[in-house]
Each structure stands twice: as C-alpha cells, then as structure tokens.
Protein backbone atom coordinates (compact mmCIF):
# COMPACT_ATOMS: atom_id res chain seq x y z
CA UNK A 1 -52.91 -71.68 7.68
CA UNK A 2 -55.82 -70.13 5.96
CA UNK A 3 -56.26 -66.45 7.15
CA UNK A 4 -60.04 -66.64 6.97
CA UNK A 5 -60.08 -69.60 9.40
CA UNK A 6 -57.62 -67.69 11.72
CA UNK A 7 -59.91 -64.71 11.76
CA UNK A 8 -62.88 -66.77 12.65
CA UNK A 9 -60.95 -68.49 15.52
CA UNK A 10 -59.58 -65.10 16.64
CA UNK A 11 -63.05 -63.69 16.60
CA UNK A 12 -64.23 -66.63 18.88
CA UNK A 13 -61.28 -66.10 21.26
CA UNK A 14 -62.11 -62.45 21.62
CA UNK A 15 -65.86 -62.95 22.03
CA UNK A 16 -65.54 -65.23 25.09
CA UNK A 17 -62.00 -65.30 26.06
CA UNK A 18 -60.87 -68.51 27.88
CA UNK A 19 -57.89 -68.77 30.19
CA UNK A 20 -56.25 -71.89 28.65
CA UNK A 21 -56.32 -72.56 24.86
CA UNK A 22 -54.87 -75.54 22.91
CA UNK A 23 -54.33 -75.15 19.15
CA UNK A 24 -53.58 -78.30 17.15
CA UNK A 25 -52.17 -77.30 13.80
CA UNK A 26 -48.99 -77.93 11.74
CA UNK A 27 -47.89 -74.41 12.68
CA UNK A 28 -49.26 -71.50 14.66
CA UNK A 29 -50.33 -68.60 12.52
CA UNK A 30 -48.82 -65.16 13.15
CA UNK A 31 -52.22 -63.73 13.79
CA UNK A 32 -52.90 -66.18 16.79
CA UNK A 33 -49.29 -65.89 18.02
CA UNK A 34 -49.71 -62.10 18.21
CA UNK A 35 -52.99 -62.45 19.93
CA UNK A 36 -51.55 -64.89 22.53
CA UNK A 37 -48.81 -62.35 23.32
CA UNK A 38 -51.19 -59.43 23.75
CA UNK A 39 -53.79 -61.29 25.90
CA UNK A 40 -52.86 -60.92 29.50
CA UNK A 41 -54.53 -64.00 31.08
CA UNK A 42 -54.38 -66.30 28.11
CA UNK A 43 -52.24 -69.35 28.24
CA UNK A 44 -51.96 -70.68 24.79
CA UNK A 45 -50.45 -74.16 23.96
CA UNK A 46 -49.65 -75.27 20.37
CA UNK A 47 -49.23 -78.84 19.33
CA UNK A 48 -47.73 -79.46 15.93
CA UNK A 49 -48.19 -82.54 13.85
CA UNK A 50 -44.66 -83.92 14.29
CA UNK A 51 -45.17 -84.65 17.98
CA UNK A 52 -48.88 -85.09 17.99
CA UNK A 53 -48.92 -88.64 19.25
CA UNK A 54 -46.50 -87.99 22.12
CA UNK A 55 -47.91 -84.65 23.08
CA UNK A 56 -51.63 -85.57 23.39
CA UNK A 57 -50.86 -88.09 26.08
CA UNK A 58 -49.12 -85.45 28.32
CA UNK A 59 -51.67 -82.68 27.91
CA UNK A 60 -53.82 -81.33 30.73
CA UNK A 61 -57.43 -80.15 30.37
CA UNK A 62 -58.01 -76.80 28.50
CA UNK A 63 -61.03 -74.54 28.60
CA UNK A 64 -60.93 -74.22 24.81
CA UNK A 65 -59.30 -76.39 22.11
CA UNK A 66 -59.26 -75.89 18.35
CA UNK A 67 -58.14 -78.37 15.69
CA UNK A 68 -57.35 -76.79 12.27
CA UNK A 69 -58.31 -78.54 9.12
CA UNK A 70 -54.61 -78.64 7.93
CA UNK A 71 -53.98 -81.08 10.78
CA UNK A 72 -56.07 -83.72 9.07
CA UNK A 73 -54.05 -83.61 5.84
CA UNK A 74 -51.42 -86.02 7.04
CA UNK A 75 -53.76 -88.31 9.06
CA UNK A 76 -55.79 -91.29 8.18
CA UNK A 77 -59.58 -91.01 8.91
CA UNK A 78 -59.25 -93.39 11.81
CA UNK A 79 -56.32 -91.52 13.35
CA UNK A 80 -58.23 -88.17 12.90
CA UNK A 81 -61.29 -89.66 14.63
CA UNK A 82 -59.16 -90.90 17.52
CA UNK A 83 -57.48 -87.44 17.88
CA UNK A 84 -60.85 -85.56 17.95
CA UNK A 85 -62.36 -88.18 20.42
CA UNK A 86 -59.37 -87.88 22.70
CA UNK A 87 -59.47 -84.10 22.72
CA UNK A 88 -63.13 -84.15 23.21
CA UNK A 89 -63.12 -86.71 26.08
CA UNK A 90 -59.99 -85.78 27.96
CA UNK A 91 -58.44 -82.43 27.12
CA UNK A 92 -61.08 -79.82 26.23
CA UNK A 93 -64.09 -78.43 27.91
CA UNK A 94 -65.05 -76.80 24.63
CA UNK A 95 -63.71 -78.19 21.36
CA UNK A 96 -63.85 -76.64 17.98
CA UNK A 97 -62.88 -78.57 14.83
CA UNK A 98 -62.48 -76.83 11.40
CA UNK A 99 -63.75 -79.13 8.70
CA UNK A 100 -63.67 -79.00 4.95
CA UNK A 101 -66.02 -81.16 2.95
CA UNK A 102 -63.85 -81.33 -0.21
CA UNK A 103 -63.29 -84.61 -2.08
CA UNK A 104 -59.93 -85.22 -0.43
CA UNK A 105 -61.07 -84.41 3.05
CA UNK A 106 -59.87 -86.80 5.76
CA UNK A 107 -62.21 -85.63 8.35
CA UNK A 108 -65.53 -84.34 7.09
CA UNK A 109 -68.88 -83.06 8.50
CA UNK A 110 -70.27 -86.53 8.83
CA UNK A 111 -67.32 -87.57 10.95
CA UNK A 112 -67.76 -84.50 13.18
CA UNK A 113 -71.51 -85.14 13.65
CA UNK A 114 -70.72 -88.83 14.42
CA UNK A 115 -68.59 -87.58 17.22
CA UNK A 116 -71.51 -85.74 18.78
CA UNK A 117 -70.46 -82.31 17.57
CA UNK A 118 -72.80 -79.54 16.29
CA UNK A 119 -72.08 -77.05 13.54
CA UNK A 120 -71.23 -73.50 14.81
CA UNK A 121 -73.66 -70.95 13.46
CA UNK A 122 -71.99 -69.78 10.18
CA UNK A 123 -73.58 -66.23 10.45
CA UNK A 124 -71.74 -65.68 13.61
CA UNK A 125 -68.49 -67.51 13.06
CA UNK A 126 -68.60 -68.16 9.36
CA UNK A 127 -66.13 -68.83 6.68
CA UNK A 128 -66.46 -69.49 3.14
CA UNK A 129 -65.07 -73.03 2.63
CA UNK A 130 -64.55 -74.17 6.20
CA UNK A 131 -67.22 -75.35 8.63
CA UNK A 132 -66.66 -75.13 12.25
CA UNK A 133 -68.06 -77.83 14.59
CA UNK A 134 -68.05 -77.65 18.36
CA UNK A 135 -68.43 -79.99 21.27
CA UNK A 136 -69.31 -79.07 24.77
CA UNK A 137 -70.83 -81.51 27.24
CA UNK A 138 -73.32 -78.79 28.42
CA UNK A 139 -74.62 -78.61 24.86
CA UNK A 140 -74.54 -82.35 24.25
CA UNK A 141 -76.34 -83.44 27.37
CA UNK A 142 -78.34 -80.54 28.94
CA UNK A 143 -79.62 -81.14 32.55
CA UNK A 144 -83.31 -82.20 32.36
CA UNK A 145 -85.80 -80.14 34.18
CA UNK A 146 -87.06 -83.04 36.19
CA UNK A 147 -83.73 -83.67 37.62
CA UNK A 148 -84.02 -81.67 40.78
CA UNK A 149 -84.75 -82.19 44.43
CA UNK A 150 -88.19 -80.77 44.18
CA UNK A 151 -89.49 -83.21 41.55
CA UNK A 152 -87.49 -86.30 41.95
CA UNK A 153 -85.68 -88.15 44.63
CA UNK A 154 -86.55 -85.72 47.37
CA UNK A 155 -86.35 -87.47 50.72
CA UNK A 156 -88.67 -84.99 52.27
CA UNK A 157 -91.49 -86.03 49.97
CA UNK A 158 -91.10 -89.93 50.39
CA UNK A 159 -94.05 -90.14 52.79
CA UNK A 160 -96.33 -87.80 50.89
CA UNK A 161 -96.09 -89.00 47.31
CA UNK A 162 -96.10 -92.62 46.14
CA UNK A 163 -96.33 -93.93 42.70
C-alpha cells in the first residue's frame, strides 16, 4: 500500500474516530494495523481481494468504510462499480474510495462521481497522486428546510391555510 494514502486515511480516522471501520484492500498496511491495536473502541475489519465476493455478502453495516486504489487493480470496471455500489448502499454510513486517474485505472474519478460521490477536500485530506471520494447519505440528500411540521403537512394548520 502507498504510505501517503495510508497517512491520509489515518489522519481521517483520527480526526473523527468511528467505532466500526471496514478496510477493503489486498493487505492491511502496518500503519493501519498498529492504529487499530492502539485505538480502544475501534473495531476494524479487513477484507482482502481473495475473498472479496464471499465476504461482502456477509458484512454488517459499518460507520466508516474505505476502499484502497490497489483493490481495483485486479477488478474489471463493472465489478469495481458493483463493489462500490454495494458498500455504499448496504455496508457503510460513510464510504471513502481512493481513486487514481492514470491511464490504466479501472475505477476513475468519473466513475466515483457517477456513483454520487464527491471529492474530499485535498487541502484537508490530500495526497499527491490519489484523490479521495466520499459518499454519505446526509451529504448526498440533505433534508430540505420546507420539510418540517411547521411549514408542510401540519394537521394543526389544515383548517387555517388552504392552497
């Protein structure tokens, strides 16, 4: 694994520590392994490429999930998109995906944006060659201001306001 990518992920985990973490990568880096041992309330699960298909069907929901760019090296674009969609929809409240836009990239920035992801601020969690994309339902679909009992569907106001 790229140590710069590991450092960015470690920085993110330290800034807002989740209780459950899923890391999808060919192998777990020593930096992340050491962090998981030191963190008291952190439950880190690692899924390697070899058992990726079987493992994702049995996973529960995690507060934070990260897919490393090295995971995509052995996948086709279609399989990579299915993996990200499955993690996004079923297994992660907050999903981070490391993306490289090189000529041999299987999963690129356009694919991440097509999945409804937004790019993480590179000044906060930046790395030179890798872009991080995130998906959280609260960022994707914020609750509109009009959707509240005072302005809409308030039974107390049915006799007072008509349109």
